[in-house]
Amino acid sequence: MNEKKKTIHLQGKVLTPLVIGNCAYIFHSSQVIRTSRIVSIGEVNDHYSCFETMNSYYHVEFSPIPINAAMPYYSQYAAA
């Protein structure tokens, strides 16, 4: 059976280091996405990451995380 994996393009931030055998956590559209296990890592640079999971190919273009998402506890005091 030859199944094609889907390719997913996201703009966000990879929250944990990419490690083969582990899941990736990606912050995208104000939510955290957990992928299936990583099977290979393509290119990782300052602008994007490309990697393959058991189910999909991911291309994550980096974008800044809003401060209240990155540090929700501390950001409530920053506005005071």
C-alpha atoms as a PDB file:
ATOM      1  CA  MET A   1       0.000   0.000   0.000  1.00  0.00           C
ATOM      2  CA  ASN A   2       1.519   3.298  -1.103  1.00  0.00           C
ATOM      3  CA  GLU A   3       0.132   6.119   1.020  1.00  0.00           C
ATOM      4  CA  LYS A   4       1.118   9.703   0.267  1.00  0.00           C
ATOM      5  CA  LYS A   5       1.816  11.922   3.220  1.00  0.00           C
ATOM      6  CA  LYS A   6       0.271  15.356   3.295  1.00  0.00           C
ATOM      7  CA  THR A   7       2.455  18.448   3.336  1.00  0.00           C
ATOM      8  CA  ILE A   8       1.568  21.035   5.959  1.00  0.00           C
ATOM      9  CA  HIS A   9       2.767  24.642   5.702  1.00  0.00           C
ATOM     10  CA  LEU A  10       2.419  26.686   8.888  1.00  0.00           C
ATOM     11  CA  GLN A  11       3.532  30.033  10.158  1.00  0.00           C
ATOM     12  CA  GLY A  12       4.418  29.853  13.823  1.00  0.00           C
ATOM     13  CA  LYS A  13       7.089  28.692  16.216  1.00  0.00           C
ATOM     14  CA  VAL A  14       8.516  25.261  17.010  1.00  0.00           C
ATOM     15  CA  LEU A  15       8.419  25.186  20.814  1.00  0.00           C
ATOM     16  CA  THR A  16      10.733  22.240  21.516  1.00  0.00           C
ATOM     17  CA  PRO A  17      13.919  20.993  19.860  1.00  0.00           C
ATOM     18  CA  LEU A  18      13.275  18.649  16.935  1.00  0.00           C
ATOM     19  CA  VAL A  19      14.386  15.144  17.911  1.00  0.00           C
ATOM     20  CA  ILE A  20      13.832  12.009  15.856  1.00  0.00           C
ATOM     21  CA  GLY A  21      11.427   9.745  17.738  1.00  0.00           C
ATOM     22  CA  ASN A  22       9.779  12.619  19.637  1.00  0.00           C
ATOM     23  CA  CYS A  23       6.714  14.671  18.792  1.00  0.00           C
ATOM     24  CA  ALA A  24       7.061  18.304  17.775  1.00  0.00           C
ATOM     25  CA  TYR A  25       5.073  21.084  19.439  1.00  0.00           C
ATOM     26  CA  ILE A  26       4.226  24.042  17.223  1.00  0.00           C
ATOM     27  CA  PHE A  27       2.595  27.316  18.302  1.00  0.00           C
ATOM     28  CA  HIS A  28       0.285  28.370  15.462  1.00  0.00           C
ATOM     29  CA  SER A  29      -2.841  30.581  15.411  1.00  0.00           C
ATOM     30  CA  SER A  30      -2.923  30.971  19.204  1.00  0.00           C
ATOM     31  CA  GLN A  31      -2.861  27.236  19.826  1.00  0.00           C
ATOM     32  CA  VAL A  32      -0.272  24.507  20.305  1.00  0.00           C
ATOM     33  CA  ILE A  33      -0.193  21.688  17.774  1.00  0.00           C
ATOM     34  CA  ARG A  34       1.329  18.332  18.703  1.00  0.00           C
ATOM     35  CA  THR A  35       2.584  16.289  15.768  1.00  0.00           C
ATOM     36  CA  SER A  36       3.086  12.566  15.461  1.00  0.00           C
ATOM     37  CA  ARG A  37       6.634  11.268  16.010  1.00  0.00           C
ATOM     38  CA  ILE A  38       9.398  12.780  13.920  1.00  0.00           C
ATOM     39  CA  VAL A  39      11.046  10.337  11.506  1.00  0.00           C
ATOM     40  CA  SER A  40      13.468  12.714   9.771  1.00  0.00           C
ATOM     41  CA  ILE A  41      14.642  16.292  10.023  1.00  0.00           C
ATOM     42  CA  GLY A  42      15.284  18.243   6.840  1.00  0.00           C
ATOM     43  CA  GLU A  43      16.453  21.822   7.062  1.00  0.00           C
ATOM     44  CA  VAL A  44      16.427  23.958  10.183  1.00  0.00           C
ATOM     45  CA  ASN A  45      17.580  27.576  10.035  1.00  0.00           C
ATOM     46  CA  ASP A  46      16.685  31.008  11.428  1.00  0.00           C
ATOM     47  CA  HIS A  47      13.645  31.360   9.140  1.00  0.00           C
ATOM     48  CA  TYR A  48      11.978  27.940   8.968  1.00  0.00           C
ATOM     49  CA  SER A  49      12.123  24.242   9.848  1.00  0.00           C
ATOM     50  CA  CYS A  50      11.309  21.303   7.598  1.00  0.00           C
ATOM     51  CA  PHE A  51      10.750  17.846   9.040  1.00  0.00           C
ATOM     52  CA  GLU A  52       8.839  14.635   8.428  1.00  0.00           C
ATOM     53  CA  THR A  53       6.611  12.899  10.941  1.00  0.00           C
ATOM     54  CA  MET A  54       4.968   9.507  10.747  1.00  0.00           C
ATOM     55  CA  ASN A  55       1.937  11.098   9.072  1.00  0.00           C
ATOM     56  CA  SER A  56       3.019  14.348   7.375  1.00  0.00           C
ATOM     57  CA  TYR A  57       5.726  16.622   6.050  1.00  0.00           C
ATOM     58  CA  TYR A  58       5.942  19.954   7.903  1.00  0.00           C
ATOM     59  CA  HIS A  59       7.312  23.297   6.747  1.00  0.00           C
ATOM     60  CA  VAL A  60       7.107  25.787   9.610  1.00  0.00           C
ATOM     61  CA  GLU A  61       7.954  29.405   8.820  1.00  0.00           C
ATOM     62  CA  PHE A  62       8.915  31.193  11.993  1.00  0.00           C
ATOM     63  CA  SER A  63       6.913  34.126  13.258  1.00  0.00           C
ATOM     64  CA  PRO A  64       7.199  35.941  16.558  1.00  0.00           C
ATOM     65  CA  ILE A  65       5.142  34.625  19.461  1.00  0.00           C
ATOM     66  CA  PRO A  66       3.020  37.258  21.222  1.00  0.00           C
ATOM     67  CA  ILE A  67       4.520  37.933  24.638  1.00  0.00           C
ATOM     68  CA  ASN A  68       1.316  36.963  26.471  1.00  0.00           C
ATOM     69  CA  ALA A  69       1.422  33.509  24.823  1.00  0.00           C
ATOM     70  CA  ALA A  70       5.108  32.970  25.551  1.00  0.00           C
ATOM     71  CA  MET A  71       4.894  34.129  29.181  1.00  0.00           C
ATOM     72  CA  PRO A  72       1.218  34.447  30.162  1.00  0.00           C
ATOM     73  CA  TYR A  73       1.839  34.854  33.905  1.00  0.00           C
ATOM     74  CA  TYR A  74       4.376  37.675  33.568  1.00  0.00           C
ATOM     75  CA  SER A  75       2.668  39.575  30.745  1.00  0.00           C
ATOM     76  CA  GLN A  76      -0.345  40.401  32.908  1.00  0.00           C
ATOM     77  CA  TYR A  77       1.973  42.470  35.135  1.00  0.00           C
ATOM     78  CA  ALA A  78       3.724  44.165  32.224  1.00  0.00           C
ATOM     79  CA  ALA A  79       0.552  46.057  31.305  1.00  0.00           C
ATOM     80  CA  ALA A  80       0.040  47.325  34.870  1.00  0.00           C
END
